Amino acid sequence: MRRPGNKPRWMTRDILRALRRKRWVWRKENDKNSPEYKEVERKVKNLIRTAKRSYEKRLARESQGNSRPFYAYLKR
């Protein structure tokens, strides 16, 4: 069974919004060294990092009886 769309399961609406904002700031500033861009980039990295961690923890916790989803994630 496949999920619709191409985004990973850990990708949330907040992350997508932050990524759009990051692209918008990049187009507006067109400089990777601008303080606004660096701030947005740091926020996106932190959001992605925490979302992945929480998804992996939840997956490990839930897969104690059925390990198939856990190993499917590792395989990907």
Protein backbone atom coordinates (compact mmCIF):
# COMPACT_ATOMS: atom_id res chain seq x y z
CA MET A 1 0.00 0.00 0.00
CA ARG A 2 1.44 3.34 -1.04
CA ARG A 3 0.90 6.75 0.46
CA PRO A 4 -0.25 9.56 -1.80
CA GLY A 5 2.32 12.25 -2.47
CA ASN A 6 6.07 12.23 -2.31
CA LYS A 7 6.71 13.63 1.15
CA PRO A 8 8.11 11.47 3.95
CA ARG A 9 5.89 10.47 6.85
CA TRP A 10 7.75 12.69 9.31
CA MET A 11 7.20 15.81 7.19
CA THR A 12 4.63 18.03 8.91
CA ARG A 13 2.68 21.05 7.77
CA ASP A 14 4.91 23.32 9.89
CA ILE A 15 8.02 22.03 8.15
CA LEU A 16 6.49 22.58 4.73
CA ARG A 17 5.59 26.15 5.68
CA ALA A 18 9.10 26.79 6.96
CA LEU A 19 10.60 25.39 3.75
CA ARG A 20 8.38 27.69 1.67
CA ARG A 21 9.45 30.64 3.82
CA LYS A 22 13.10 29.64 3.37
CA ARG A 23 12.70 29.60 -0.43
CA TRP A 24 10.89 32.96 -0.33
CA VAL A 25 13.64 34.57 1.74
CA TRP A 26 16.26 33.14 -0.60
CA ARG A 27 14.53 34.63 -3.63
CA LYS A 28 14.07 37.96 -1.87
CA GLU A 29 17.59 38.26 -0.44
CA ASN A 30 19.48 36.10 -2.96
CA ASP A 31 22.32 35.85 -0.44
CA LYS A 32 23.06 32.85 1.74
CA ASN A 33 25.00 35.03 4.18
CA SER A 34 22.10 37.31 5.08
CA PRO A 35 21.05 37.08 8.74
CA GLU A 36 17.38 36.55 7.89
CA TYR A 37 18.15 33.60 5.62
CA LYS A 38 20.49 32.04 8.19
CA GLU A 39 17.84 32.32 10.88
CA VAL A 40 15.18 30.69 8.70
CA GLU A 41 17.61 27.96 7.63
CA ARG A 42 18.48 27.18 11.24
CA LYS A 43 14.78 26.97 12.13
CA VAL A 44 14.10 24.56 9.25
CA LYS A 45 17.01 22.32 10.24
CA ASN A 46 15.81 22.15 13.83
CA LEU A 47 12.23 21.40 12.79
CA ILE A 48 13.36 18.58 10.50
CA ARG A 49 15.72 17.14 13.10
CA THR A 50 13.08 17.07 15.85
CA ALA A 51 10.39 15.69 13.52
CA LYS A 52 12.64 12.82 12.41
CA ARG A 53 13.62 12.01 15.98
CA SER A 54 10.07 11.96 17.25
CA TYR A 55 8.90 9.85 14.30
CA GLU A 56 11.70 7.32 14.82
CA LYS A 57 11.05 7.13 18.57
CA ARG A 58 7.35 6.61 17.99
CA LEU A 59 8.08 3.97 15.36
CA ALA A 60 10.45 2.10 17.68
CA ARG A 61 7.95 2.28 20.55
CA GLU A 62 5.04 1.02 18.44
CA SER A 63 6.99 -1.74 16.71
CA GLN A 64 7.63 -3.84 19.80
CA GLY A 65 4.94 -6.33 18.81
CA ASN A 66 5.19 -5.91 15.04
CA SER A 67 8.68 -5.02 13.82
CA ARG A 68 7.82 -4.85 10.12
CA PRO A 69 7.21 -1.05 9.94
CA PHE A 70 10.45 -0.39 11.81
CA TYR A 71 12.56 -2.48 9.44
CA ALA A 72 10.73 -1.06 6.41
CA TYR A 73 11.77 2.41 7.59
CA LEU A 74 15.36 1.28 8.08
CA LYS A 75 15.41 -0.27 4.63
CA ARG A 76 14.32 3.02 3.07
